[in-house]
Amino acid sequence: MQSFSGHSGDVTSVVFTSDGKHIVSGSRDSTIKVWNRETGKMERTLSQHTKSVTSLCVTSDVKCIVSGSADGTVKVWNLRTGDMMRSLEGHGDGIAALTVTSDGKHIVSGSEDKTIKVWNLVTGKEERTLEGHNGCVMALAV
């Protein structure tokens, strides 16, 4: 069993890449860390969120990390380089849940603002907002 150390706050989200090569973790320290699953070594730290990272997913083609944060943003990162590709803003409160559609074309985010938003992964444009929930949207599945 491997143990990974590096975050200075509680770990809030962990995801494995579909190719099994990396583990991605998000934390209350506002950072995302990319780990080599085989060696256990941290490869990079992503640090553009201003509050806790609350949710993570990786696209099925293993090219992008998508992160949600208590700062209300969804960020898209290049997994290989760690570069932030875009920041999606539109929720009125923190992000509680995230997923990427199986075709890799859309991000779906759920928020404490009681909405679900559908974003185009390539352009970063918000395509739809679903309203009507009575509370925080805490889980999503597509």
N, C-alpha and C. Protein backbone atom coordinates (compact mmCIF):
# COMPACT_ATOMS: atom_id res chain seq x y z
N MET A 1 0.83 -1.17 0.00
CA MET A 1 0.00 0.00 0.00
C MET A 1 0.89 1.24 0.00
N GLN A 2 0.56 2.19 -0.87
CA GLN A 2 1.32 3.43 -0.96
C GLN A 2 0.65 4.52 -0.16
N SER A 3 1.45 5.43 0.33
CA SER A 3 0.97 6.61 1.02
C SER A 3 1.56 7.83 0.31
N PHE A 4 0.75 8.86 0.14
CA PHE A 4 1.19 10.06 -0.56
C PHE A 4 1.09 11.24 0.41
N SER A 5 2.17 11.99 0.54
CA SER A 5 2.18 13.16 1.43
C SER A 5 2.58 14.38 0.62
N GLY A 6 1.93 15.50 0.90
CA GLY A 6 2.30 16.72 0.19
C GLY A 6 1.35 17.87 0.40
N HIS A 7 0.08 17.58 0.64
CA HIS A 7 -0.87 18.66 0.88
C HIS A 7 -0.71 19.19 2.30
N SER A 8 -0.97 20.48 2.48
CA SER A 8 -0.91 21.05 3.83
C SER A 8 -2.30 21.14 4.47
N GLY A 9 -3.34 20.75 3.73
CA GLY A 9 -4.70 20.73 4.26
C GLY A 9 -5.33 19.37 3.99
N ASP A 10 -6.54 19.19 4.50
CA ASP A 10 -7.27 17.94 4.27
C ASP A 10 -7.45 17.68 2.79
N VAL A 11 -7.34 16.42 2.39
CA VAL A 11 -7.60 16.03 1.00
C VAL A 11 -9.11 15.86 0.85
N THR A 12 -9.67 16.52 -0.15
CA THR A 12 -11.12 16.53 -0.36
C THR A 12 -11.57 15.72 -1.55
N SER A 13 -10.65 15.42 -2.46
CA SER A 13 -11.01 14.70 -3.68
C SER A 13 -9.80 13.98 -4.23
N VAL A 14 -10.03 12.75 -4.70
CA VAL A 14 -8.97 11.96 -5.32
C VAL A 14 -9.55 11.26 -6.53
N VAL A 15 -8.80 11.24 -7.63
CA VAL A 15 -9.24 10.55 -8.84
C VAL A 15 -8.03 9.88 -9.50
N PHE A 16 -8.26 8.70 -10.05
CA PHE A 16 -7.24 7.99 -10.83
C PHE A 16 -7.48 8.29 -12.30
N THR A 17 -6.41 8.41 -13.07
CA THR A 17 -6.57 8.55 -14.52
C THR A 17 -6.96 7.19 -15.09
N SER A 18 -7.69 7.21 -16.19
CA SER A 18 -8.19 5.96 -16.77
C SER A 18 -7.07 5.05 -17.27
N ASP A 19 -5.89 5.61 -17.55
CA ASP A 19 -4.77 4.78 -17.98
C ASP A 19 -3.99 4.21 -16.80
N GLY A 20 -4.39 4.59 -15.58
CA GLY A 20 -3.76 4.07 -14.38
C GLY A 20 -2.39 4.63 -14.05
N LYS A 21 -1.94 5.64 -14.78
CA LYS A 21 -0.59 6.16 -14.58
C LYS A 21 -0.49 7.24 -13.51
N HIS A 22 -1.59 7.95 -13.26
CA HIS A 22 -1.55 9.06 -12.32
C HIS A 22 -2.72 9.02 -11.33
N ILE A 23 -2.45 9.63 -10.19
CA ILE A 23 -3.48 9.92 -9.20
C ILE A 23 -3.48 11.44 -9.05
N VAL A 24 -4.67 12.02 -9.01
CA VAL A 24 -4.81 13.47 -8.86
C VAL A 24 -5.56 13.73 -7.56
N SER A 25 -5.03 14.61 -6.73
CA SER A 25 -5.68 14.91 -5.45
C SER A 25 -5.92 16.41 -5.32
N GLY A 26 -7.03 16.74 -4.68
CA GLY A 26 -7.37 18.14 -4.39
C GLY A 26 -7.52 18.31 -2.90
N SER A 27 -7.28 19.53 -2.42
CA SER A 27 -7.19 19.73 -0.98
C SER A 27 -7.80 21.06 -0.53
N ARG A 28 -8.01 21.13 0.78
CA ARG A 28 -8.45 22.38 1.40
C ARG A 28 -7.34 23.43 1.38
N ASP A 29 -6.13 23.02 1.01
CA ASP A 29 -5.04 23.99 0.88
C ASP A 29 -5.09 24.73 -0.46
N SER A 30 -6.17 24.51 -1.24
CA SER A 30 -6.43 25.18 -2.52
C SER A 30 -5.57 24.67 -3.66
N THR A 31 -4.89 23.55 -3.48
CA THR A 31 -4.03 23.04 -4.53
C THR A 31 -4.51 21.68 -5.04
N ILE A 32 -4.01 21.35 -6.21
CA ILE A 32 -4.20 20.05 -6.84
C ILE A 32 -2.80 19.48 -7.03
N LYS A 33 -2.64 18.21 -6.73
CA LYS A 33 -1.34 17.57 -6.92
C LYS A 33 -1.52 16.37 -7.85
N VAL A 34 -0.56 16.23 -8.76
CA VAL A 34 -0.55 15.11 -9.70
C VAL A 34 0.58 14.18 -9.26
N TRP A 35 0.22 12.92 -9.04
CA TRP A 35 1.16 11.93 -8.52
C TRP A 35 1.38 10.83 -9.54
N ASN A 36 2.60 10.34 -9.63
CA ASN A 36 2.90 9.16 -10.43
C ASN A 36 2.46 7.96 -9.60
N ARG A 37 1.50 7.20 -10.09
CA ARG A 37 0.93 6.10 -9.33
C ARG A 37 1.96 5.02 -9.03
N GLU A 38 2.85 4.76 -9.98
CA GLU A 38 3.82 3.68 -9.81
C GLU A 38 4.91 4.02 -8.78
N THR A 39 5.45 5.24 -8.89
CA THR A 39 6.56 5.62 -8.01
C THR A 39 6.10 6.30 -6.73
N GLY A 40 4.88 6.87 -6.74
CA GLY A 40 4.40 7.62 -5.59
C GLY A 40 4.93 9.03 -5.52
N LYS A 41 5.72 9.44 -6.50
CA LYS A 41 6.30 10.78 -6.48
C LYS A 41 5.32 11.81 -7.03
N MET A 42 5.31 12.98 -6.39
CA MET A 42 4.50 14.09 -6.87
C MET A 42 5.18 14.67 -8.11
N GLU A 43 4.41 14.84 -9.18
CA GLU A 43 4.98 15.38 -10.42
C GLU A 43 4.76 16.87 -10.55
N ARG A 44 3.65 17.37 -10.04
CA ARG A 44 3.40 18.81 -10.13
C ARG A 44 2.29 19.23 -9.17
N THR A 45 2.29 20.53 -8.87
CA THR A 45 1.25 21.15 -8.05
C THR A 45 0.57 22.22 -8.89
N LEU A 46 -0.75 22.21 -8.90
CA LEU A 46 -1.55 23.20 -9.62
C LEU A 46 -2.18 24.11 -8.57
N SER A 47 -2.00 25.41 -8.73
CA SER A 47 -2.38 26.30 -7.61
C SER A 47 -3.04 27.60 -8.05
N GLN A 48 -4.09 27.53 -8.82
CA GLN A 48 -4.79 28.75 -9.24
C GLN A 48 -6.12 28.98 -8.51
N HIS A 49 -6.61 28.00 -7.74
CA HIS A 49 -7.83 28.22 -6.96
C HIS A 49 -7.51 29.06 -5.74
N THR A 50 -8.49 29.85 -5.29
CA THR A 50 -8.28 30.71 -4.12
C THR A 50 -8.91 30.15 -2.85
N LYS A 51 -9.70 29.09 -2.98
CA LYS A 51 -10.28 28.40 -1.82
C LYS A 51 -10.15 26.89 -2.04
N SER A 52 -10.67 26.12 -1.13
CA SER A 52 -10.57 24.65 -1.18
C SER A 52 -10.96 24.08 -2.53
N VAL A 53 -10.19 23.08 -2.96
CA VAL A 53 -10.58 22.28 -4.13
C VAL A 53 -11.57 21.24 -3.62
N THR A 54 -12.77 21.24 -4.19
CA THR A 54 -13.84 20.39 -3.67
C THR A 54 -14.15 19.18 -4.53
N SER A 55 -13.78 19.22 -5.80
CA SER A 55 -14.08 18.10 -6.68
C SER A 55 -13.12 18.08 -7.86
N LEU A 56 -12.90 16.86 -8.37
CA LEU A 56 -11.96 16.65 -9.48
C LEU A 56 -12.50 15.59 -10.42
N CYS A 57 -12.12 15.70 -11.66
CA CYS A 57 -12.29 14.60 -12.62
C CYS A 57 -11.23 14.75 -13.69
N VAL A 58 -11.01 13.66 -14.40
CA VAL A 58 -10.04 13.64 -15.49
C VAL A 58 -10.77 13.16 -16.73
N THR A 59 -10.52 13.81 -17.86
CA THR A 59 -11.19 13.40 -19.09
C THR A 59 -10.75 11.98 -19.47
N SER A 60 -11.61 11.28 -20.17
CA SER A 60 -11.33 9.88 -20.52
C SER A 60 -10.11 9.72 -21.43
N ASP A 61 -9.77 10.78 -22.18
CA ASP A 61 -8.58 10.72 -23.02
C ASP A 61 -7.30 11.05 -22.24
N VAL A 62 -7.44 11.31 -20.95
CA VAL A 62 -6.35 11.59 -20.02
C VAL A 62 -5.55 12.83 -20.43
N LYS A 63 -6.21 13.79 -21.05
CA LYS A 63 -5.52 15.02 -21.44
C LYS A 63 -5.77 16.16 -20.46
N CYS A 64 -6.95 16.17 -19.82
CA CYS A 64 -7.33 17.30 -18.98
C CYS A 64 -7.77 16.88 -17.58
N ILE A 65 -7.40 17.70 -16.62
CA ILE A 65 -7.94 17.63 -15.27
C ILE A 65 -8.98 18.74 -15.20
N VAL A 66 -10.13 18.44 -14.60
CA VAL A 66 -11.15 19.46 -14.35
C VAL A 66 -11.33 19.55 -12.84
N SER A 67 -11.26 20.76 -12.32
CA SER A 67 -11.37 20.95 -10.87
C SER A 67 -12.46 21.95 -10.54
N GLY A 68 -13.11 21.70 -9.41
CA GLY A 68 -14.10 22.64 -8.87
C GLY A 68 -13.64 23.08 -7.50
N SER A 69 -14.05 24.29 -7.14
CA SER A 69 -13.55 24.86 -5.89
C SER A 69 -14.63 25.61 -5.14
N ALA A 70 -14.39 25.77 -3.85
CA ALA A 70 -15.25 26.60 -3.01
C ALA A 70 -15.21 28.06 -3.46
N ASP A 71 -14.25 28.42 -4.31
CA ASP A 71 -14.19 29.79 -4.84
C ASP A 71 -15.21 30.01 -5.96
N GLY A 72 -15.97 28.97 -6.32
CA GLY A 72 -17.03 29.09 -7.33
C GLY A 72 -16.57 28.89 -8.76
N THR A 73 -15.30 28.55 -8.96
CA THR A 73 -14.80 28.37 -10.32
C THR A 73 -14.59 26.90 -10.65
N VAL A 74 -14.68 26.62 -11.95
CA VAL A 74 -14.29 25.33 -12.51
C VAL A 74 -13.07 25.63 -13.38
N LYS A 75 -12.01 24.87 -13.19
CA LYS A 75 -10.79 25.11 -13.97
C LYS A 75 -10.45 23.86 -14.77
N VAL A 76 -9.92 24.09 -15.98
CA VAL A 76 -9.50 23.01 -16.86
C VAL A 76 -7.99 23.12 -17.01
N TRP A 77 -7.29 22.01 -16.75
CA TRP A 77 -5.83 21.97 -16.74
C TRP A 77 -5.31 20.95 -17.73
N ASN A 78 -4.16 21.22 -18.31
CA ASN A 78 -3.47 20.23 -19.12
C ASN A 78 -2.78 19.27 -18.16
N LEU A 79 -3.14 18.00 -18.18
CA LEU A 79 -2.58 17.05 -17.23
C LEU A 79 -1.07 16.89 -17.43
N ARG A 80 -0.62 16.86 -18.66
CA ARG A 80 0.79 16.63 -18.95
C ARG A 80 1.68 17.79 -18.49
N THR A 81 1.25 19.04 -18.74
CA THR A 81 2.09 20.20 -18.44
C THR A 81 1.73 20.90 -17.14
N GLY A 82 0.48 20.72 -16.69
CA GLY A 82 0.01 21.44 -15.51
C GLY A 82 -0.48 22.84 -15.81
N ASP A 83 -0.46 23.25 -17.07
CA ASP A 83 -0.94 24.59 -17.43
C ASP A 83 -2.46 24.67 -17.29
N MET A 84 -2.93 25.80 -16.73
CA MET A 84 -4.36 26.03 -16.69
C MET A 84 -4.81 26.49 -18.07
N MET A 85 -5.76 25.79 -18.64
CA MET A 85 -6.24 26.11 -19.99
C MET A 85 -7.38 27.11 -19.97
N ARG A 86 -8.23 27.02 -18.96
CA ARG A 86 -9.32 27.98 -18.83
C ARG A 86 -9.93 27.94 -17.44
N SER A 87 -10.56 29.04 -17.07
CA SER A 87 -11.29 29.14 -15.81
C SER A 87 -12.74 29.48 -16.15
N LEU A 88 -13.66 28.66 -15.67
CA LEU A 88 -15.08 28.84 -15.97
C LEU A 88 -15.76 29.48 -14.77
N GLU A 89 -16.39 30.63 -15.01
CA GLU A 89 -17.05 31.36 -13.94
C GLU A 89 -18.50 31.55 -14.30
N GLY A 90 -19.37 31.43 -13.32
CA GLY A 90 -20.79 31.59 -13.57
C GLY A 90 -21.65 31.15 -12.41
N HIS A 91 -21.12 30.27 -11.56
CA HIS A 91 -21.86 29.87 -10.37
C HIS A 91 -21.79 31.00 -9.33
N GLY A 92 -22.84 31.10 -8.54
CA GLY A 92 -22.89 32.13 -7.51
C GLY A 92 -22.33 31.68 -6.17
N ASP A 93 -21.84 30.45 -6.09
CA ASP A 93 -21.30 29.91 -4.84
C ASP A 93 -20.34 28.78 -5.19
N GLY A 94 -19.84 28.11 -4.20
CA GLY A 94 -18.84 27.07 -4.40
C GLY A 94 -19.33 25.88 -5.21
N ILE A 95 -18.39 25.20 -5.84
CA ILE A 95 -18.67 24.00 -6.62
C ILE A 95 -18.64 22.81 -5.67
N ALA A 96 -19.67 21.96 -5.74
CA ALA A 96 -19.75 20.80 -4.86
C ALA A 96 -19.58 19.49 -5.62
N ALA A 97 -19.83 19.49 -6.92
CA ALA A 97 -19.74 18.26 -7.71
C ALA A 97 -19.36 18.58 -9.14
N LEU A 98 -18.67 17.64 -9.78
CA LEU A 98 -18.21 17.80 -11.16
C LEU A 98 -18.23 16.46 -11.87
N THR A 99 -18.48 16.50 -13.15
CA THR A 99 -18.25 15.34 -13.98
C THR A 99 -18.01 15.81 -15.41
N VAL A 100 -17.44 14.94 -16.21
CA VAL A 100 -17.25 15.19 -17.63
C VAL A 100 -18.04 14.13 -18.37
N THR A 101 -18.74 14.53 -19.43
CA THR A 101 -19.51 13.55 -20.19
C THR A 101 -18.58 12.53 -20.83
N SER A 102 -19.12 11.34 -21.10
CA SER A 102 -18.29 10.25 -21.61
C SER A 102 -17.67 10.56 -22.97
N ASP A 103 -18.31 11.44 -23.75
CA ASP A 103 -17.73 11.82 -25.04
C ASP A 103 -16.65 12.90 -24.89
N GLY A 104 -16.45 13.39 -23.67
CA GLY A 104 -15.41 14.37 -23.41
C GLY A 104 -15.71 15.76 -23.90
N LYS A 105 -16.94 16.04 -24.26
CA LYS A 105 -17.28 17.34 -24.85
C LYS A 105 -17.83 18.35 -23.85
N HIS A 106 -18.35 17.86 -22.72
CA HIS A 106 -18.99 18.77 -21.77
C HIS A 106 -18.56 18.49 -20.33
N ILE A 107 -18.52 19.57 -19.57
CA ILE A 107 -18.33 19.53 -18.12
C ILE A 107 -19.69 19.83 -17.51
N VAL A 108 -20.04 19.10 -16.47
CA VAL A 108 -21.27 19.37 -15.73
C VAL A 108 -20.87 19.68 -14.29
N SER A 109 -21.31 20.83 -13.79
CA SER A 109 -20.94 21.24 -12.43
C SER A 109 -22.19 21.48 -11.59
N GLY A 110 -22.12 21.07 -10.33
CA GLY A 110 -23.18 21.31 -9.36
C GLY A 110 -22.64 22.21 -8.27
N SER A 111 -23.50 23.10 -7.78
CA SER A 111 -23.00 24.13 -6.88
C SER A 111 -23.87 24.31 -5.64
N GLU A 112 -23.28 24.97 -4.67
CA GLU A 112 -24.00 25.39 -3.48
C GLU A 112 -25.03 26.46 -3.81
N ASP A 113 -24.97 27.03 -5.02
CA ASP A 113 -25.96 28.03 -5.44
C ASP A 113 -27.26 27.37 -5.94
N LYS A 114 -27.36 26.03 -5.79
CA LYS A 114 -28.55 25.25 -6.12
C LYS A 114 -28.76 25.07 -7.62
N THR A 115 -27.71 25.24 -8.41
CA THR A 115 -27.83 25.07 -9.86
C THR A 115 -26.86 24.02 -10.38
N ILE A 116 -27.17 23.53 -11.57
CA ILE A 116 -26.28 22.68 -12.35
C ILE A 116 -25.98 23.46 -13.62
N LYS A 117 -24.71 23.49 -14.00
CA LYS A 117 -24.34 24.15 -15.25
C LYS A 117 -23.65 23.15 -16.17
N VAL A 118 -23.94 23.30 -17.47
CA VAL A 118 -23.31 22.48 -18.50
C VAL A 118 -22.41 23.41 -19.31
N TRP A 119 -21.15 23.03 -19.41
CA TRP A 119 -20.13 23.84 -20.07
C TRP A 119 -19.56 23.09 -21.26
N ASN A 120 -19.23 23.81 -22.31
CA ASN A 120 -18.52 23.21 -23.43
C ASN A 120 -17.05 23.11 -23.03
N LEU A 121 -16.50 21.90 -23.02
CA LEU A 121 -15.12 21.71 -22.58
C LEU A 121 -14.11 22.41 -23.49
N VAL A 122 -14.36 22.42 -24.78
CA VAL A 122 -13.42 23.01 -25.73
C VAL A 122 -13.43 24.53 -25.68
N THR A 123 -14.62 25.13 -25.68
CA THR A 123 -14.71 26.59 -25.74
C THR A 123 -14.78 27.24 -24.36
N GLY A 124 -15.20 26.47 -23.35
CA GLY A 124 -15.37 27.03 -22.01
C GLY A 124 -16.67 27.78 -21.83
N LYS A 125 -17.52 27.78 -22.85
CA LYS A 125 -18.78 28.53 -22.76
C LYS A 125 -19.83 27.74 -22.00
N GLU A 126 -20.59 28.48 -21.18
CA GLU A 126 -21.73 27.89 -20.48
C GLU A 126 -22.83 27.65 -21.49
N GLU A 127 -23.33 26.44 -21.56
CA GLU A 127 -24.38 26.12 -22.53
C GLU A 127 -25.77 26.03 -21.91
N ARG A 128 -25.83 25.73 -20.63
CA ARG A 128 -27.14 25.56 -20.01
C ARG A 128 -27.02 25.67 -18.50
N THR A 129 -28.06 26.22 -17.88
CA THR A 129 -28.18 26.22 -16.42
C THR A 129 -29.49 25.54 -16.05
N LEU A 130 -29.39 24.60 -15.13
CA LEU A 130 -30.58 23.89 -14.63
C LEU A 130 -30.85 24.39 -13.22
N GLU A 131 -32.04 24.94 -13.04
CA GLU A 131 -32.43 25.50 -11.74
C GLU A 131 -33.59 24.70 -11.17
N GLY A 132 -33.90 24.95 -9.91
CA GLY A 132 -35.05 24.32 -9.29
C GLY A 132 -34.72 23.44 -8.10
N HIS A 133 -33.46 23.27 -7.79
CA HIS A 133 -33.09 22.48 -6.62
C HIS A 133 -33.33 23.30 -5.36
N ASN A 134 -33.63 22.61 -4.27
CA ASN A 134 -33.88 23.29 -3.00
C ASN A 134 -32.63 23.45 -2.15
N GLY A 135 -31.55 22.88 -2.60
CA GLY A 135 -30.32 22.96 -1.85
C GLY A 135 -29.13 22.72 -2.74
N CYS A 136 -27.99 22.61 -2.11
CA CYS A 136 -26.73 22.37 -2.80
C CYS A 136 -26.80 21.12 -3.66
N VAL A 137 -26.26 21.19 -4.88
CA VAL A 137 -26.16 20.02 -5.76
C VAL A 137 -24.83 19.35 -5.42
N MET A 138 -24.91 18.20 -4.74
CA MET A 138 -23.71 17.57 -4.18
C MET A 138 -23.19 16.37 -4.97
N ALA A 139 -23.97 15.88 -5.91
CA ALA A 139 -23.53 14.70 -6.69
C ALA A 139 -24.09 14.79 -8.10
N LEU A 140 -23.31 14.29 -9.05
CA LEU A 140 -23.71 14.28 -10.46
C LEU A 140 -23.27 12.97 -11.08
N ALA A 141 -24.04 12.49 -12.04
CA ALA A 141 -23.65 11.33 -12.83
C ALA A 141 -24.22 11.52 -14.22
N VAL A 142 -23.44 11.17 -15.23
CA VAL A 142 -23.93 11.25 -16.61
C VAL A 142 -23.64 9.94 -17.31
